[in-house]
Amino acid sequence: MSHITQQKAEAPHIVGYATFVKVWIALVLLTGLLVGLSVTHRPNLALLGLLVITPTKASLVLFYFMHLKYESAALKYMVTAAIAALIIFIGLTFSDFLFR
């Protein structure tokens, strides 16, 4: 890797306050939407909202507040693999609980 490319890869990414405020507002709105869905007394709709909105909120936190958006593809794949392994282990735990 050349010296210029290495410097560019190590350069810090400065994110403005406006971006963080927008992401925070989106998180607050999505939380309000989840609370609103839980009050509707429709469990299927609340579950669908939970399964769609919660990963969206988690990805916003990962990408913006933890700066994953500006990292290399290898780190993004490692985080994705770790989350996939977590989902598999939780799924296996629930399947064990259901079939006892």
PDB file of N, CA and C in Angstrom:
ATOM      1  N   MET A   1       0.858  -1.157   0.000  1.00  0.00           N
ATOM      2  CA  MET A   1       0.000   0.000   0.000  1.00  0.00           C
ATOM      3  C   MET A   1       0.910   1.227   0.000  1.00  0.00           C
ATOM      4  N   SER A   2       0.565   2.165  -0.815  1.00  0.00           N
ATOM      5  CA  SER A   2       1.401   3.359  -0.896  1.00  0.00           C
ATOM      6  C   SER A   2       1.213   4.238   0.339  1.00  0.00           C
ATOM      7  N   HIS A   3       2.156   5.150   0.507  1.00  0.00           N
ATOM      8  CA  HIS A   3       2.138   6.025   1.681  1.00  0.00           C
ATOM      9  C   HIS A   3       0.913   6.941   1.676  1.00  0.00           C
ATOM     10  N   ILE A   4       0.516   7.424   0.510  1.00  0.00           N
ATOM     11  CA  ILE A   4      -0.645   8.327   0.410  1.00  0.00           C
ATOM     12  C   ILE A   4      -1.932   7.578   0.737  1.00  0.00           C
ATOM     13  N   THR A   5      -2.057   6.368   0.215  1.00  0.00           N
ATOM     14  CA  THR A   5      -3.252   5.579   0.496  1.00  0.00           C
ATOM     15  C   THR A   5      -3.329   5.232   1.979  1.00  0.00           C
ATOM     16  N   GLN A   6      -2.198   4.930   2.593  1.00  0.00           N
ATOM     17  CA  GLN A   6      -2.187   4.615   4.017  1.00  0.00           C
ATOM     18  C   GLN A   6      -2.585   5.823   4.856  1.00  0.00           C
ATOM     19  N   GLN A   7      -2.130   7.009   4.482  1.00  0.00           N
ATOM     20  CA  GLN A   7      -2.521   8.209   5.215  1.00  0.00           C
ATOM     21  C   GLN A   7      -4.011   8.469   5.076  1.00  0.00           C
ATOM     22  N   LYS A   8      -4.544   8.244   3.868  1.00  0.00           N
ATOM     23  CA  LYS A   8      -5.979   8.452   3.658  1.00  0.00           C
ATOM     24  C   LYS A   8      -6.793   7.472   4.486  1.00  0.00           C
ATOM     25  N   ALA A   9      -6.320   6.226   4.592  1.00  0.00           N
ATOM     26  CA  ALA A   9      -7.041   5.208   5.362  1.00  0.00           C
ATOM     27  C   ALA A   9      -7.024   5.527   6.856  1.00  0.00           C
ATOM     28  N   GLU A  10      -5.964   6.192   7.328  1.00  0.00           N
ATOM     29  CA  GLU A  10      -5.859   6.490   8.745  1.00  0.00           C
ATOM     30  C   GLU A  10      -6.417   7.862   9.108  1.00  0.00           C
ATOM     31  N   ALA A  11      -6.867   8.624   8.122  1.00  0.00           N
ATOM     32  CA  ALA A  11      -7.376   9.968   8.384  1.00  0.00           C
ATOM     33  C   ALA A  11      -8.672   9.875   9.189  1.00  0.00           C
ATOM     34  N   PRO A  12      -8.813  10.715  10.193  1.00  0.00           N
ATOM     35  CA  PRO A  12     -10.043  10.676  10.995  1.00  0.00           C
ATOM     36  C   PRO A  12     -11.239  11.213  10.199  1.00  0.00           C
ATOM     37  N   HIS A  13     -12.377  10.655  10.484  1.00  0.00           N
ATOM     38  CA  HIS A  13     -13.610  11.115   9.840  1.00  0.00           C
ATOM     39  C   HIS A  13     -14.322  12.046  10.809  1.00  0.00           C
ATOM     40  N   ILE A  14     -14.450  13.273  10.423  1.00  0.00           N
ATOM     41  CA  ILE A  14     -15.100  14.254  11.272  1.00  0.00           C
ATOM     42  C   ILE A  14     -16.553  14.354  10.847  1.00  0.00           C
ATOM     43  N   VAL A  15     -17.417  14.038  11.767  1.00  0.00           N
ATOM     44  CA  VAL A  15     -18.851  14.069  11.505  1.00  0.00           C
ATOM     45  C   VAL A  15     -19.423  15.276  12.233  1.00  0.00           C
ATOM     46  N   GLY A  16     -20.211  16.058  11.527  1.00  0.00           N
ATOM     47  CA  GLY A  16     -20.781  17.260  12.118  1.00  0.00           C
ATOM     48  C   GLY A  16     -21.886  16.952  13.115  1.00  0.00           C
ATOM     49  N   TYR A  17     -22.165  17.938  13.943  1.00  0.00           N
ATOM     50  CA  TYR A  17     -23.227  17.778  14.941  1.00  0.00           C
ATOM     51  C   TYR A  17     -24.593  17.585  14.294  1.00  0.00           C
ATOM     52  N   ALA A  18     -24.788  18.172  13.121  1.00  0.00           N
ATOM     53  CA  ALA A  18     -26.086  18.056  12.448  1.00  0.00           C
ATOM     54  C   ALA A  18     -26.416  16.596  12.149  1.00  0.00           C
ATOM     55  N   THR A  19     -25.417  15.824  11.773  1.00  0.00           N
ATOM     56  CA  THR A  19     -25.645  14.406  11.490  1.00  0.00           C
ATOM     57  C   THR A  19     -26.084  13.672  12.747  1.00  0.00           C
ATOM     58  N   PHE A  20     -25.410  13.939  13.852  1.00  0.00           N
ATOM     59  CA  PHE A  20     -25.777  13.272  15.098  1.00  0.00           C
ATOM     60  C   PHE A  20     -27.162  13.690  15.577  1.00  0.00           C
ATOM     61  N   VAL A  21     -27.519  14.934  15.379  1.00  0.00           N
ATOM     62  CA  VAL A  21     -28.845  15.406  15.778  1.00  0.00           C
ATOM     63  C   VAL A  21     -29.917  14.735  14.928  1.00  0.00           C
ATOM     64  N   LYS A  22     -29.665  14.624  13.621  1.00  0.00           N
ATOM     65  CA  LYS A  22     -30.634  13.957  12.733  1.00  0.00           C
ATOM     66  C   LYS A  22     -30.811  12.495  13.112  1.00  0.00           C
ATOM     67  N   VAL A  23     -29.719  11.807  13.394  1.00  0.00           N
ATOM     68  CA  VAL A  23     -29.811  10.400  13.789  1.00  0.00           C
ATOM     69  C   VAL A  23     -30.529  10.276  15.122  1.00  0.00           C
ATOM     70  N   TRP A  24     -30.244  11.176  16.054  1.00  0.00           N
ATOM     71  CA  TRP A  24     -30.919  11.137  17.345  1.00  0.00           C
ATOM     72  C   TRP A  24     -32.421  11.360  17.181  1.00  0.00           C
ATOM     73  N   ILE A  25     -32.809  12.303  16.338  1.00  0.00           N
ATOM     74  CA  ILE A  25     -34.231  12.559  16.092  1.00  0.00           C
ATOM     75  C   ILE A  25     -34.883  11.331  15.467  1.00  0.00           C
ATOM     76  N   ALA A  26     -34.173  10.684  14.524  1.00  0.00           N
ATOM     77  CA  ALA A  26     -34.712   9.462  13.917  1.00  0.00           C
ATOM     78  C   ALA A  26     -34.894   8.375  14.966  1.00  0.00           C
ATOM     79  N   LEU A  27     -33.942   8.239  15.883  1.00  0.00           N
ATOM     80  CA  LEU A  27     -34.066   7.244  16.947  1.00  0.00           C
ATOM     81  C   LEU A  27     -35.240   7.543  17.875  1.00  0.00           C
ATOM     82  N   VAL A  28     -35.434   8.810  18.192  1.00  0.00           N
ATOM     83  CA  VAL A  28     -36.562   9.193  19.048  1.00  0.00           C
ATOM     84  C   VAL A  28     -37.884   8.901  18.342  1.00  0.00           C
ATOM     85  N   LEU A  29     -37.972   9.228  17.053  1.00  0.00           N
ATOM     86  CA  LEU A  29     -39.202   8.965  16.298  1.00  0.00           C
ATOM     87  C   LEU A  29     -39.477   7.469  16.181  1.00  0.00           C
ATOM     88  N   LEU A  30     -38.446   6.693  15.927  1.00  0.00           N
ATOM     89  CA  LEU A  30     -38.636   5.245  15.838  1.00  0.00           C
ATOM     90  C   LEU A  30     -39.040   4.652  17.189  1.00  0.00           C
ATOM     91  N   THR A  31     -38.504   5.180  18.275  1.00  0.00           N
ATOM     92  CA  THR A  31     -38.920   4.730  19.602  1.00  0.00           C
ATOM     93  C   THR A  31     -40.381   5.083  19.855  1.00  0.00           C
ATOM     94  N   GLY A  32     -40.774   6.288  19.471  1.00  0.00           N
ATOM     95  CA  GLY A  32     -42.180   6.683  19.593  1.00  0.00           C
ATOM     96  C   GLY A  32     -43.095   5.788  18.773  1.00  0.00           C
ATOM     97  N   LEU A  33     -42.639   5.407  17.582  1.00  0.00           N
ATOM     98  CA  LEU A  33     -43.423   4.504  16.742  1.00  0.00           C
ATOM     99  C   LEU A  33     -43.566   3.134  17.398  1.00  0.00           C
ATOM    100  N   LEU A  34     -42.504   2.644  18.007  1.00  0.00           N
ATOM    101  CA  LEU A  34     -42.588   1.361  18.717  1.00  0.00           C
ATOM    102  C   LEU A  34     -43.551   1.438  19.896  1.00  0.00           C
ATOM    103  N   VAL A  35     -43.490   2.514  20.642  1.00  0.00           N
ATOM    104  CA  VAL A  35     -44.419   2.683  21.771  1.00  0.00           C
ATOM    105  C   VAL A  35     -45.844   2.771  21.247  1.00  0.00           C
ATOM    106  N   GLY A  36     -46.034   3.504  20.162  1.00  0.00           N
ATOM    107  CA  GLY A  36     -47.369   3.608  19.571  1.00  0.00           C
ATOM    108  C   GLY A  36     -47.901   2.262  19.108  1.00  0.00           C
ATOM    109  N   LEU A  37     -47.034   1.438  18.527  1.00  0.00           N
ATOM    110  CA  LEU A  37     -47.474   0.109  18.099  1.00  0.00           C
ATOM    111  C   LEU A  37     -47.807  -0.788  19.278  1.00  0.00           C
ATOM    112  N   SER A  38     -47.100  -0.616  20.382  1.00  0.00           N
ATOM    113  CA  SER A  38     -47.381  -1.462  21.544  1.00  0.00           C
ATOM    114  C   SER A  38     -48.706  -1.104  22.203  1.00  0.00           C
ATOM    115  N   VAL A  39     -49.166   0.109  22.010  1.00  0.00           N
ATOM    116  CA  VAL A  39     -50.416   0.551  22.623  1.00  0.00           C
ATOM    117  C   VAL A  39     -51.629   0.119  21.800  1.00  0.00           C
ATOM    118  N   THR A  40     -51.438  -0.282  20.557  1.00  0.00           N
ATOM    119  CA  THR A  40     -52.564  -0.622  19.684  1.00  0.00           C
ATOM    120  C   THR A  40     -53.273  -1.903  20.082  1.00  0.00           C
ATOM    121  N   HIS A  41     -52.665  -2.699  20.955  1.00  0.00           N
ATOM    122  CA  HIS A  41     -53.240  -3.966  21.413  1.00  0.00           C
ATOM    123  C   HIS A  41     -53.418  -4.944  20.258  1.00  0.00           C
ATOM    124  N   ARG A  42     -52.551  -4.837  19.265  1.00  0.00           N
ATOM    125  CA  ARG A  42     -52.526  -5.804  18.170  1.00  0.00           C
ATOM    126  C   ARG A  42     -51.145  -6.458  18.211  1.00  0.00           C
ATOM    127  N   PRO A  43     -51.045  -7.629  18.812  1.00  0.00           N
ATOM    128  CA  PRO A  43     -49.733  -8.247  19.033  1.00  0.00           C
ATOM    129  C   PRO A  43     -48.963  -8.520  17.741  1.00  0.00           C
ATOM    130  N   ASN A  44     -49.662  -8.920  16.679  1.00  0.00           N
ATOM    131  CA  ASN A  44     -48.958  -9.218  15.434  1.00  0.00           C
ATOM    132  C   ASN A  44     -48.326  -7.962  14.846  1.00  0.00           C
ATOM    133  N   LEU A  45     -49.038  -6.861  14.900  1.00  0.00           N
ATOM    134  CA  LEU A  45     -48.515  -5.601  14.386  1.00  0.00           C
ATOM    135  C   LEU A  45     -47.357  -5.112  15.258  1.00  0.00           C
ATOM    136  N   ALA A  46     -47.491  -5.252  16.563  1.00  0.00           N
ATOM    137  CA  ALA A  46     -46.419  -4.841  17.469  1.00  0.00           C
ATOM    138  C   ALA A  46     -45.172  -5.699  17.258  1.00  0.00           C
ATOM    139  N   LEU A  47     -45.353  -7.002  17.049  1.00  0.00           N
ATOM    140  CA  LEU A  47     -44.218  -7.888  16.814  1.00  0.00           C
ATOM    141  C   LEU A  47     -43.530  -7.555  15.496  1.00  0.00           C
ATOM    142  N   LEU A  48     -44.304  -7.291  14.467  1.00  0.00           N
ATOM    143  CA  LEU A  48     -43.726  -6.911  13.173  1.00  0.00           C
ATOM    144  C   LEU A  48     -42.938  -5.609  13.308  1.00  0.00           C
ATOM    145  N   GLY A  49     -43.509  -4.657  14.024  1.00  0.00           N
ATOM    146  CA  GLY A  49     -42.801  -3.403  14.259  1.00  0.00           C
ATOM    147  C   GLY A  49     -41.528  -3.619  15.044  1.00  0.00           C
ATOM    148  N   LEU A  50     -41.584  -4.489  16.034  1.00  0.00           N
ATOM    149  CA  LEU A  50     -40.415  -4.790  16.847  1.00  0.00           C
ATOM    150  C   LEU A  50     -39.319  -5.435  16.008  1.00  0.00           C
ATOM    151  N   LEU A  51     -39.697  -6.360  15.126  1.00  0.00           N
ATOM    152  CA  LEU A  51     -38.701  -7.060  14.315  1.00  0.00           C
ATOM    153  C   LEU A  51     -38.132  -6.206  13.195  1.00  0.00           C
ATOM    154  N   VAL A  52     -38.812  -5.136  12.818  1.00  0.00           N
ATOM    155  CA  VAL A  52     -38.321  -4.264  11.748  1.00  0.00           C
ATOM    156  C   VAL A  52     -37.657  -3.011  12.306  1.00  0.00           C
ATOM    157  N   ILE A  53     -38.288  -2.387  13.270  1.00  0.00           N
ATOM    158  CA  ILE A  53     -37.806  -1.094  13.766  1.00  0.00           C
ATOM    159  C   ILE A  53     -36.583  -1.248  14.669  1.00  0.00           C
ATOM    160  N   THR A  54     -36.549  -2.266  15.495  1.00  0.00           N
ATOM    161  CA  THR A  54     -35.425  -2.429  16.417  1.00  0.00           C
ATOM    162  C   THR A  54     -34.094  -2.658  15.690  1.00  0.00           C
ATOM    163  N   PRO A  55     -34.025  -3.530  14.682  1.00  0.00           N
ATOM    164  CA  PRO A  55     -32.753  -3.631  13.948  1.00  0.00           C
ATOM    165  C   PRO A  55     -32.392  -2.344  13.205  1.00  0.00           C
ATOM    166  N   THR A  56     -33.393  -1.598  12.768  1.00  0.00           N
ATOM    167  CA  THR A  56     -33.123  -0.311  12.125  1.00  0.00           C
ATOM    168  C   THR A  56     -32.470   0.648  13.109  1.00  0.00           C
ATOM    169  N   LYS A  57     -32.994   0.692  14.315  1.00  0.00           N
ATOM    170  CA  LYS A  57     -32.401   1.551  15.346  1.00  0.00           C
ATOM    171  C   LYS A  57     -30.987   1.085  15.686  1.00  0.00           C
ATOM    172  N   ALA A  58     -30.806  -0.208  15.798  1.00  0.00           N
ATOM    173  CA  ALA A  58     -29.480  -0.735  16.119  1.00  0.00           C
ATOM    174  C   ALA A  58     -28.479  -0.407  15.015  1.00  0.00           C
ATOM    175  N   SER A  59     -28.901  -0.488  13.778  1.00  0.00           N
ATOM    176  CA  SER A  59     -27.985  -0.168  12.678  1.00  0.00           C
ATOM    177  C   SER A  59     -27.642   1.316  12.660  1.00  0.00           C
ATOM    178  N   LEU A  60     -28.592   2.170  12.986  1.00  0.00           N
ATOM    179  CA  LEU A  60     -28.285   3.599  13.077  1.00  0.00           C
ATOM    180  C   LEU A  60     -27.230   3.867  14.150  1.00  0.00           C
ATOM    181  N   VAL A  61     -27.374   3.213  15.295  1.00  0.00           N
ATOM    182  CA  VAL A  61     -26.401   3.392  16.363  1.00  0.00           C
ATOM    183  C   VAL A  61     -25.039   2.853  15.943  1.00  0.00           C
ATOM    184  N   LEU A  62     -25.027   1.668  15.332  1.00  0.00           N
ATOM    185  CA  LEU A  62     -23.759   1.083  14.892  1.00  0.00           C
ATOM    186  C   LEU A  62     -23.063   1.950  13.849  1.00  0.00           C
ATOM    187  N   PHE A  63     -23.811   2.391  12.856  1.00  0.00           N
ATOM    188  CA  PHE A  63     -23.183   3.109  11.747  1.00  0.00           C
ATOM    189  C   PHE A  63     -22.755   4.524  12.108  1.00  0.00           C
ATOM    190  N   TYR A  64     -23.558   5.239  12.883  1.00  0.00           N
ATOM    191  CA  TYR A  64     -23.257   6.644  13.132  1.00  0.00           C
ATOM    192  C   TYR A  64     -22.576   6.892  14.471  1.00  0.00           C
ATOM    193  N   PHE A  65     -23.148   6.382  15.564  1.00  0.00           N
ATOM    194  CA  PHE A  65     -22.571   6.668  16.866  1.00  0.00           C
ATOM    195  C   PHE A  65     -21.312   5.846  17.134  1.00  0.00           C
ATOM    196  N   MET A  66     -21.218   4.653  16.540  1.00  0.00           N
ATOM    197  CA  MET A  66     -20.019   3.838  16.711  1.00  0.00           C
ATOM    198  C   MET A  66     -19.090   3.951  15.497  1.00  0.00           C
ATOM    199  N   HIS A  67     -19.427   4.826  14.565  1.00  0.00           N
ATOM    200  CA  HIS A  67     -18.604   5.158  13.401  1.00  0.00           C
ATOM    201  C   HIS A  67     -18.280   3.968  12.514  1.00  0.00           C
ATOM    202  N   LEU A  68     -19.139   2.963  12.465  1.00  0.00           N
ATOM    203  CA  LEU A  68     -18.903   1.810  11.610  1.00  0.00           C
ATOM    204  C   LEU A  68     -19.033   2.179  10.132  1.00  0.00           C
ATOM    205  N   LYS A  69     -19.749   3.233   9.853  1.00  0.00           N
ATOM    206  CA  LYS A  69     -19.947   3.676   8.474  1.00  0.00           C
ATOM    207  C   LYS A  69     -18.616   4.022   7.800  1.00  0.00           C
ATOM    208  N   TYR A  70     -17.661   4.467   8.569  1.00  0.00           N
ATOM    209  CA  TYR A  70     -16.398   4.940   8.025  1.00  0.00           C
ATOM    210  C   TYR A  70     -15.272   3.916   8.160  1.00  0.00           C
ATOM    211  N   GLU A  71     -15.577   2.709   8.559  1.00  0.00           N
ATOM    212  CA  GLU A  71     -14.558   1.673   8.727  1.00  0.00           C
ATOM    213  C   GLU A  71     -14.407   0.856   7.452  1.00  0.00           C
ATOM    214  N   SER A  72     -13.418  -0.013   7.458  1.00  0.00           N
ATOM    215  CA  SER A  72     -13.148  -0.839   6.284  1.00  0.00           C
ATOM    216  C   SER A  72     -14.223  -1.915   6.136  1.00  0.00           C
ATOM    217  N   ALA A  73     -14.279  -2.483   4.948  1.00  0.00           N
ATOM    218  CA  ALA A  73     -15.269  -3.520   4.673  1.00  0.00           C
ATOM    219  C   ALA A  73     -15.012  -4.760   5.527  1.00  0.00           C
ATOM    220  N   ALA A  74     -13.756  -5.056   5.806  1.00  0.00           N
ATOM    221  CA  ALA A  74     -13.428  -6.234   6.614  1.00  0.00           C
ATOM    222  C   ALA A  74     -14.037  -6.130   8.011  1.00  0.00           C
ATOM    223  N   LEU A  75     -13.959  -4.961   8.616  1.00  0.00           N
ATOM    224  CA  LEU A  75     -14.538  -4.784   9.950  1.00  0.00           C
ATOM    225  C   LEU A  75     -16.062  -4.881   9.890  1.00  0.00           C
ATOM    226  N   LYS A  76     -16.655  -4.346   8.842  1.00  0.00           N
ATOM    227  CA  LYS A  76     -18.110  -4.451   8.690  1.00  0.00           C
ATOM    228  C   LYS A  76     -18.533  -5.911   8.572  1.00  0.00           C
ATOM    229  N   TYR A  77     -17.761  -6.715   7.824  1.00  0.00           N
ATOM    230  CA  TYR A  77     -18.083  -8.140   7.686  1.00  0.00           C
ATOM    231  C   TYR A  77     -17.905  -8.878   9.007  1.00  0.00           C
ATOM    232  N   MET A  78     -16.907  -8.501   9.782  1.00  0.00           N
ATOM    233  CA  MET A  78     -16.705  -9.145  11.082  1.00  0.00           C
ATOM    234  C   MET A  78     -17.857  -8.831  12.033  1.00  0.00           C
ATOM    235  N   VAL A  79     -18.322  -7.603  12.044  1.00  0.00           N
ATOM    236  CA  VAL A  79     -19.455  -7.230  12.899  1.00  0.00           C
ATOM    237  C   VAL A  79     -20.708  -7.970  12.445  1.00  0.00           C
ATOM    238  N   THR A  80     -20.905  -8.059  11.133  1.00  0.00           N
ATOM    239  CA  THR A  80     -22.061  -8.783  10.596  1.00  0.00           C
ATOM    240  C   THR A  80     -21.999 -10.262  10.975  1.00  0.00           C
ATOM    241  N   ALA A  81     -20.822 -10.873  10.879  1.00  0.00           N
ATOM    242  CA  ALA A  81     -20.669 -12.283  11.249  1.00  0.00           C
ATOM    243  C   ALA A  81     -20.924 -12.486  12.745  1.00  0.00           C
ATOM    244  N   ALA A  82     -20.468 -11.569  13.575  1.00  0.00           N
ATOM    245  CA  ALA A  82     -20.704 -11.692  15.013  1.00  0.00           C
ATOM    246  C   ALA A  82     -22.189 -11.579  15.340  1.00  0.00           C
ATOM    247  N   ILE A  83     -22.877 -10.665  14.690  1.00  0.00           N
ATOM    248  CA  ILE A  83     -24.318 -10.511  14.923  1.00  0.00           C
ATOM    249  C   ILE A  83     -25.071 -11.735  14.415  1.00  0.00           C
ATOM    250  N   ALA A  84     -24.655 -12.269  13.264  1.00  0.00           N
ATOM    251  CA  ALA A  84     -25.291 -13.478  12.730  1.00  0.00           C
ATOM    252  C   ALA A  84     -25.097 -14.656  13.690  1.00  0.00           C
ATOM    253  N   ALA A  85     -23.893 -14.804  14.249  1.00  0.00           N
ATOM    254  CA  ALA A  85     -23.642 -15.879  15.210  1.00  0.00           C
ATOM    255  C   ALA A  85     -24.510 -15.702  16.462  1.00  0.00           C
ATOM    256  N   LEU A  86     -24.655 -14.472  16.913  1.00  0.00           N
ATOM    257  CA  LEU A  86     -25.509 -14.196  18.068  1.00  0.00           C
ATOM    258  C   LEU A  86     -26.958 -14.586  17.781  1.00  0.00           C
ATOM    259  N   ILE A  87     -27.439 -14.235  16.597  1.00  0.00           N
ATOM    260  CA  ILE A  87     -28.815 -14.578  16.219  1.00  0.00           C
ATOM    261  C   ILE A  87     -28.992 -16.094  16.158  1.00  0.00           C
ATOM    262  N   ILE A  88     -28.001 -16.796  15.616  1.00  0.00           N
ATOM    263  CA  ILE A  88     -28.086 -18.257  15.540  1.00  0.00           C
ATOM    264  C   ILE A  88     -28.121 -18.866  16.939  1.00  0.00           C
ATOM    265  N   PHE A  89     -27.247 -18.403  17.836  1.00  0.00           N
ATOM    266  CA  PHE A  89     -27.232 -18.959  19.193  1.00  0.00           C
ATOM    267  C   PHE A  89     -28.514 -18.658  19.955  1.00  0.00           C
ATOM    268  N   ILE A  90     -29.047 -17.468  19.793  1.00  0.00           N
ATOM    269  CA  ILE A  90     -30.320 -17.149  20.449  1.00  0.00           C
ATOM    270  C   ILE A  90     -31.436 -18.004  19.869  1.00  0.00           C
ATOM    271  N   GLY A  91     -31.428 -18.202  18.542  1.00  0.00           N
ATOM    272  CA  GLY A  91     -32.430 -19.061  17.914  1.00  0.00           C
ATOM    273  C   GLY A  91     -32.339 -20.492  18.401  1.00  0.00           C
ATOM    274  N   LEU A  92     -31.126 -21.003  18.545  1.00  0.00           N
ATOM    275  CA  LEU A  92     -30.957 -22.364  19.068  1.00  0.00           C
ATOM    276  C   LEU A  92     -31.419 -22.460  20.524  1.00  0.00           C
ATOM    277  N   THR A  93     -31.182 -21.424  21.296  1.00  0.00           N
ATOM    278  CA  THR A  93     -31.641 -21.421  22.685  1.00  0.00           C
ATOM    279  C   THR A  93     -33.165 -21.453  22.754  1.00  0.00           C
ATOM    280  N   PHE A  94     -33.814 -20.635  21.919  1.00  0.00           N
ATOM    281  CA  PHE A  94     -35.272 -20.631  21.910  1.00  0.00           C
ATOM    282  C   PHE A  94     -35.834 -21.955  21.407  1.00  0.00           C
ATOM    283  N   SER A  95     -35.200 -22.556  20.402  1.00  0.00           N
ATOM    284  CA  SER A  95     -35.690 -23.842  19.897  1.00  0.00           C
ATOM    285  C   SER A  95     -35.540 -24.926  20.966  1.00  0.00           C
ATOM    286  N   ASP A  96     -34.466 -24.892  21.738  1.00  0.00           N
ATOM    287  CA  ASP A  96     -34.290 -25.834  22.829  1.00  0.00           C
ATOM    288  C   ASP A  96     -35.377 -25.642  23.879  1.00  0.00           C
ATOM    289  N   PHE A  97     -35.690 -24.405  24.179  1.00  0.00           N
ATOM    290  CA  PHE A  97     -36.731 -24.110  25.164  1.00  0.00           C
ATOM    291  C   PHE A  97     -38.103 -24.559  24.671  1.00  0.00           C
ATOM    292  N   LEU A  98     -38.379 -24.355  23.375  1.00  0.00           N
ATOM    293  CA  LEU A  98     -39.705 -24.698  22.837  1.00  0.00           C
ATOM    294  C   LEU A  98     -39.949 -26.199  22.755  1.00  0.00           C
ATOM    295  N   PHE A  99     -38.903 -26.974  22.511  1.00  0.00           N
ATOM    296  CA  PHE A  99     -39.091 -28.403  22.279  1.00  0.00           C
ATOM    297  C   PHE A  99     -38.720 -29.254  23.486  1.00  0.00           C
ATOM    298  N   ARG A 100     -38.735 -28.704  24.662  1.00  0.00           N
ATOM    299  CA  ARG A 100     -38.499 -29.494  25.877  1.00  0.00           C
ATOM    300  C   ARG A 100     -39.774 -30.074  26.372  1.00  0.00           C
TER     301      ARG A 100
END
